[in-house]
Structure formats: C-alpha cells, structure tokens
Protein backbone atom coordinates (compact mmCIF):
# COMPACT_ATOMS: atom_id res chain seq x y z
CA MET A 1 146.13 95.65 -23.82
CA GLY A 2 147.84 93.09 -21.58
CA LYS A 3 146.20 89.80 -20.69
CA ALA A 4 145.85 90.73 -17.01
CA LEU A 5 144.21 94.07 -17.89
CA ARG A 6 141.79 92.37 -20.33
CA LEU A 7 140.79 89.89 -17.62
CA SER A 8 140.30 92.76 -15.19
CA VAL A 9 137.98 94.59 -17.61
CA LEU A 10 136.00 91.41 -18.25
CA ALA A 11 135.66 90.88 -14.51
CA VAL A 12 134.26 94.39 -14.06
CA MET A 13 131.81 93.85 -16.93
CA ALA A 14 130.67 90.54 -15.43
CA ALA A 15 130.12 92.17 -12.06
CA ALA A 16 128.05 94.91 -13.67
CA LEU A 17 125.87 92.36 -15.43
CA ALA A 18 125.44 90.39 -12.22
CA ALA A 19 124.15 93.52 -10.50
CA CYS A 20 121.29 93.70 -13.00
CA GLY A 21 118.12 91.69 -12.76
CA ARG A 22 119.12 88.99 -15.29
CA GLY A 23 119.40 85.57 -13.69
CA ALA A 24 117.94 86.66 -10.38
CA LYS A 25 116.27 84.27 -7.97
CA ILE A 26 112.86 85.05 -6.51
CA GLY A 27 113.36 86.72 -3.13
CA GLY A 28 111.31 88.52 -0.53
CA GLY A 29 110.37 85.50 1.58
CA LYS A 30 106.73 84.46 1.74
CA GLU A 31 105.54 87.80 0.36
CA GLY A 32 107.91 87.57 -2.60
CA ALA A 33 106.74 84.05 -3.45
CA ALA A 34 103.13 85.21 -3.13
CA SER A 35 103.84 88.09 -5.55
CA ALA A 36 105.30 85.67 -8.09
CA LEU A 37 102.25 83.42 -7.80
CA PHE A 38 99.89 86.36 -8.22
CA SER A 39 101.72 87.68 -11.27
CA SER A 40 101.35 84.30 -12.98
CA SER A 41 97.66 83.82 -12.15
CA GLY A 42 96.18 87.13 -13.31
CA GLN A 43 95.67 85.88 -16.87
CA ALA A 44 93.03 83.54 -15.42
CA LYS A 45 90.70 86.52 -15.27
CA GLU A 46 90.40 86.13 -19.04
CA ALA A 47 88.31 83.03 -18.28
CA GLY A 48 85.63 85.35 -16.95
CA SER A 49 85.21 86.95 -20.37
CA LEU A 50 84.53 83.50 -21.79
CA MET A 51 81.13 83.74 -20.11
CA ASP A 52 80.19 86.31 -22.76
CA LEU A 53 81.09 83.83 -25.49
CA LEU A 54 79.00 81.17 -23.81
CA ALA A 55 76.02 83.52 -23.80
CA GLN A 56 76.53 84.01 -27.54
CA LYS A 57 76.60 80.20 -27.98
CA VAL A 58 80.15 80.35 -29.33
CA ASP A 59 82.01 77.04 -29.10
CA ILE A 60 84.87 77.46 -26.63
CA SER A 61 85.57 73.78 -26.17
CA GLY A 62 88.96 74.26 -27.82
CA LYS A 63 91.84 76.51 -26.84
CA VAL A 64 91.54 80.25 -26.28
CA THR A 65 94.81 82.18 -26.53
CA VAL A 66 95.39 85.74 -25.33
CA LYS A 67 98.39 88.02 -25.73
CA CYS A 68 100.48 88.81 -22.67
CA PRO A 69 101.23 92.47 -21.84
CA TYR A 70 104.83 92.48 -23.12
CA GLY A 71 104.84 89.62 -25.62
CA GLY A 72 104.15 85.91 -25.80
CA THR A 73 100.85 84.23 -25.05
CA ALA A 74 98.73 82.62 -22.36
CA THR A 75 96.33 79.85 -23.35
CA ILE A 76 93.19 78.64 -21.61
CA ASP A 77 92.31 75.06 -22.49
CA GLY A 78 89.68 72.53 -21.38
CA PHE A 79 87.33 75.25 -20.14
CA GLN A 80 84.27 74.04 -18.21
CA VAL A 81 81.76 76.15 -16.33
CA ALA A 82 78.82 75.75 -13.96
CA THR A 83 76.64 78.58 -12.61
CA ASN A 84 74.51 78.90 -9.50
CA PHE A 85 72.51 82.13 -9.21
CA GLN A 86 69.43 83.37 -7.43
CA ASN A 87 68.38 87.03 -7.28
CA GLN A 88 71.73 88.13 -8.79
CA VAL A 89 73.67 86.41 -6.00
CA GLY A 90 75.62 83.21 -6.47
CA ASN A 91 78.79 81.85 -8.01
CA VAL A 92 80.43 80.74 -11.23
CA GLN A 93 82.64 77.65 -11.08
CA GLN A 94 85.29 77.26 -13.78
CA THR A 95 87.97 74.65 -14.46
CA PHE A 96 90.69 74.95 -17.10
CA THR A 97 94.39 74.72 -17.78
CA LEU A 98 96.31 78.00 -18.02
CA SER A 99 99.58 77.64 -19.92
CA PHE A 100 102.28 80.14 -20.85
CA ALA A 101 104.46 80.34 -23.97
CA ASP A 102 107.17 83.00 -23.50
CA CYS A 103 104.53 85.13 -21.77
CA ALA A 104 106.14 88.42 -20.73
CA SER A 105 103.88 89.50 -17.89
CA ASN A 106 106.09 92.05 -16.11
CA ASN A 107 108.99 94.41 -16.66
CA TYR A 108 111.65 94.20 -13.96
CA ASP A 109 113.20 97.39 -12.58
CA ASP A 110 115.99 96.87 -10.06
CA PRO A 111 114.99 99.14 -7.13
CA LYS A 112 118.61 99.44 -6.00
CA THR A 113 119.79 101.27 -9.11
CA PRO A 114 118.92 104.85 -10.14
CA ALA A 115 118.42 103.76 -13.74
CA VAL A 116 115.02 102.50 -14.88
CA GLU A 117 115.44 99.04 -16.36
CA THR A 118 112.72 97.39 -18.41
CA GLU A 119 113.94 93.83 -18.60
CA LYS A 120 111.07 91.44 -19.23
CA VAL A 121 110.03 88.59 -16.95
CA VAL A 122 109.13 85.68 -19.23
CA LEU A 123 106.81 82.89 -18.08
CA ASN A 124 106.64 79.30 -19.34
CA GLY A 125 104.77 76.38 -17.84
CA SER A 126 101.19 75.83 -16.74
CA TRP A 127 98.63 75.87 -13.94
CA THR A 128 95.67 73.58 -13.53
CA VAL A 129 93.00 75.97 -12.26
CA THR A 130 89.74 75.39 -10.41
CA GLN A 131 88.22 78.85 -10.02
CA THR A 132 85.09 79.98 -8.21
CA VAL A 133 83.86 83.53 -8.72
CA ASN A 134 81.56 84.51 -5.85
CA LEU A 135 79.14 87.34 -6.65
CA THR A 136 76.93 89.48 -4.49
CA GLN A 137 75.06 92.66 -5.39
CA ALA A 138 77.89 94.67 -3.83
CA SER A 139 81.11 92.77 -4.52
CA ALA A 140 82.87 89.82 -6.12
CA ASN A 141 85.86 87.72 -5.21
CA VAL A 142 87.58 84.75 -6.78
CA VAL A 143 88.92 81.62 -5.13
CA GLN A 144 91.55 79.89 -7.28
CA LYS A 145 92.97 76.43 -6.70
CA LEU A 146 96.30 76.46 -8.56
CA LYS A 147 98.49 73.42 -9.13
CA GLY A 148 101.51 73.20 -11.40
CA LYS A 149 104.90 74.74 -12.15
CA VAL A 150 105.81 77.97 -13.93
CA SER A 151 109.34 79.12 -14.79
CA PHE A 152 110.41 82.76 -14.61
CA GLY A 153 113.01 83.67 -17.25
CA GLY A 154 114.39 86.86 -18.73
CA ALA A 155 115.28 89.05 -15.77
CA PHE A 156 114.92 85.99 -13.53
CA ASP A 157 116.17 82.41 -13.56
CA ASP A 158 113.81 80.64 -11.19
CA TYR A 159 110.47 78.88 -10.94
CA ILE A 160 107.51 78.46 -8.65
CA GLU A 161 105.84 75.12 -8.05
CA ALA A 162 102.60 75.26 -6.10
CA ASP A 163 99.56 73.45 -4.85
CA ILE A 164 97.66 76.32 -3.29
CA THR A 165 94.36 78.15 -2.99
CA GLN A 166 94.44 81.90 -3.61
CA THR A 167 91.57 84.23 -2.75
CA VAL A 168 91.49 87.78 -4.11
CA ALA A 169 88.99 90.47 -5.04
CA TRP A 170 87.85 89.89 -8.64
CA ALA A 171 88.60 93.50 -9.60
CA LYS A 172 92.21 93.05 -8.45
CA LEU A 173 92.95 89.73 -10.13
CA ASN A 174 94.92 91.16 -13.07
CA ALA A 175 96.14 94.32 -11.32
CA ASN A 176 99.66 95.39 -12.34
CA SER A 177 100.21 98.12 -9.74
CA GLY A 178 99.15 99.11 -6.25
CA SER A 179 98.94 97.29 -2.93
CA LEU A 180 96.49 94.49 -2.32
CA THR A 181 95.84 91.60 0.03
CA ILE A 182 95.51 87.98 -1.03
CA THR A 183 94.72 84.96 1.13
CA LEU A 184 96.76 81.79 0.59
CA ASP A 185 96.34 78.23 1.79
CA GLY A 186 98.86 75.62 0.63
CA TYR A 187 102.50 75.67 -0.46
CA ILE A 188 104.80 77.47 -2.89
CA LYS A 189 108.24 76.15 -3.77
CA THR A 190 111.04 78.03 -5.54
CA SER A 191 114.52 76.81 -6.50
CA THR A 192 115.84 78.03 -3.16
CA SER A 193 112.95 77.94 -0.65
CA ASN A 194 109.71 76.26 0.40
CA TYR A 195 106.82 78.20 1.93
CA THR A 196 103.65 76.93 3.60
CA TYR A 197 100.60 79.15 4.07
CA ALA A 198 97.76 78.28 6.45
CA ASN A 199 94.87 80.44 5.26
CA GLU A 200 97.17 83.46 5.58
CA SER A 201 96.49 87.02 4.45
CA VAL A 202 99.54 88.34 2.58
CA ASN A 203 100.11 91.94 1.52
CA ILE A 204 101.80 92.37 -1.85
CA THR A 205 102.41 95.06 -4.46
CA ALA A 206 100.94 94.05 -7.80
CA GLY A 207 103.34 94.02 -10.72
CA VAL A 208 106.42 93.93 -8.49
CA LEU A 209 108.71 90.91 -8.30
CA VAL A 210 111.40 90.80 -5.64
CA ALA A 211 114.88 89.57 -6.51
CA ALA A 212 116.88 87.70 -3.89
CA GLU A 213 120.09 89.26 -2.64
CA LYS A 214 123.08 87.90 -4.53
CA ALA A 215 125.58 86.04 -2.42
C-alpha cells in the first residue's frame, strides 16, 4: 500500500472516530449544562439513606462510598445533619462533600447515528453540598447548593464548574430517564461557555448528555 493511500485510510479512520462521542464537549446551551449538573448531583440522594444509619446510631462521621451505575465510586464525606419536624412536616438539612473517582454515571449514545453506542461518561472531581430536604405529608423536594468542579471523561472531554442552587423533586433526584424540571440559581461554566441562571426553571431529560457540534 502506497504512503498516500495509507494516509488516506488513516484520515478516514480518524474522521470516523471523531464522529463518535469520545472527546466531545458539553453542548445544548443552558439546558445541556443543566443536564450535566443534574447527572453529577444525583448521587447526593444517597445522603438521604444515611438518615437510617443515624437512627441505628451507626457512626457515619467518616467516609461513605457508594458504587456508581457503570463503575467507579462516589464518596460522601464530612456528613452533618440537622432536623426540624412538627406533625410530620419540616426539613432535613445536610452538609457534606461529594467526590467522584472514575464514577461512570451515564452511557453515551450518539443520537445522530443509527448504531447504539454505550460509551461511558466518567466523572472525577467533587462538589461541596449544602442540601435541604423539605417534607410535607404530600410531597418532598430538595434544594442543593453545589460548589466545585467535576470533569467529564470517557465519551466526553470537558468539565463543569459551578456555584449554583438546584431545586428538584426528591423522587427525581437520581432519575436516569424521563423528562423533568429543575430550578437553577447561580452559574455553570464549561470549557467553552458560561451560563448564568436567575431562579430559572429548566426542562431536561434525565440520563441524557448533549454533545456540542464539532467544528
């Protein structure tokens, strides 16, 4: 095979790889950034189950590590809690650090190809979380103050840095499919864009990350 032909074949192979999800930037504008934030905050729901351990007088002053859906771990550290209830109505206030170690939280499927890809999205980094779970006899929601930086590897090559408050129904916090609405107040930064939210309601699809169009 001649040198020119070999280079041509390599160029075609490179183009094919570029069309896949690997190395993608986070796209989709404000909704896409909101989806990325949501996908990295769902593991915080695990902090709610720590209330059961508290009731059993188990010491949770150290680290609690959980497995992520597709590999790797998420760790809750420095957990503190305060409760305020009367007649089954009130709130639970929690503070902790949520960190990721090669946490594969999603599989990425490029919607523009007929094939079904299952390339993992791998998270590393951490959030400092102040979380209030508001409970009534009919419903519950959670208000999360998230500050930190989390990288998105695997199918993506990007990050989100944020100082933001996210409000979502408690039952939806670790959803991995379906449409939902979250309310955001603060900022999210990616490697290519900065977004500011002023107590905005944003509609997203859980478990779906949007890749930016390649130039």
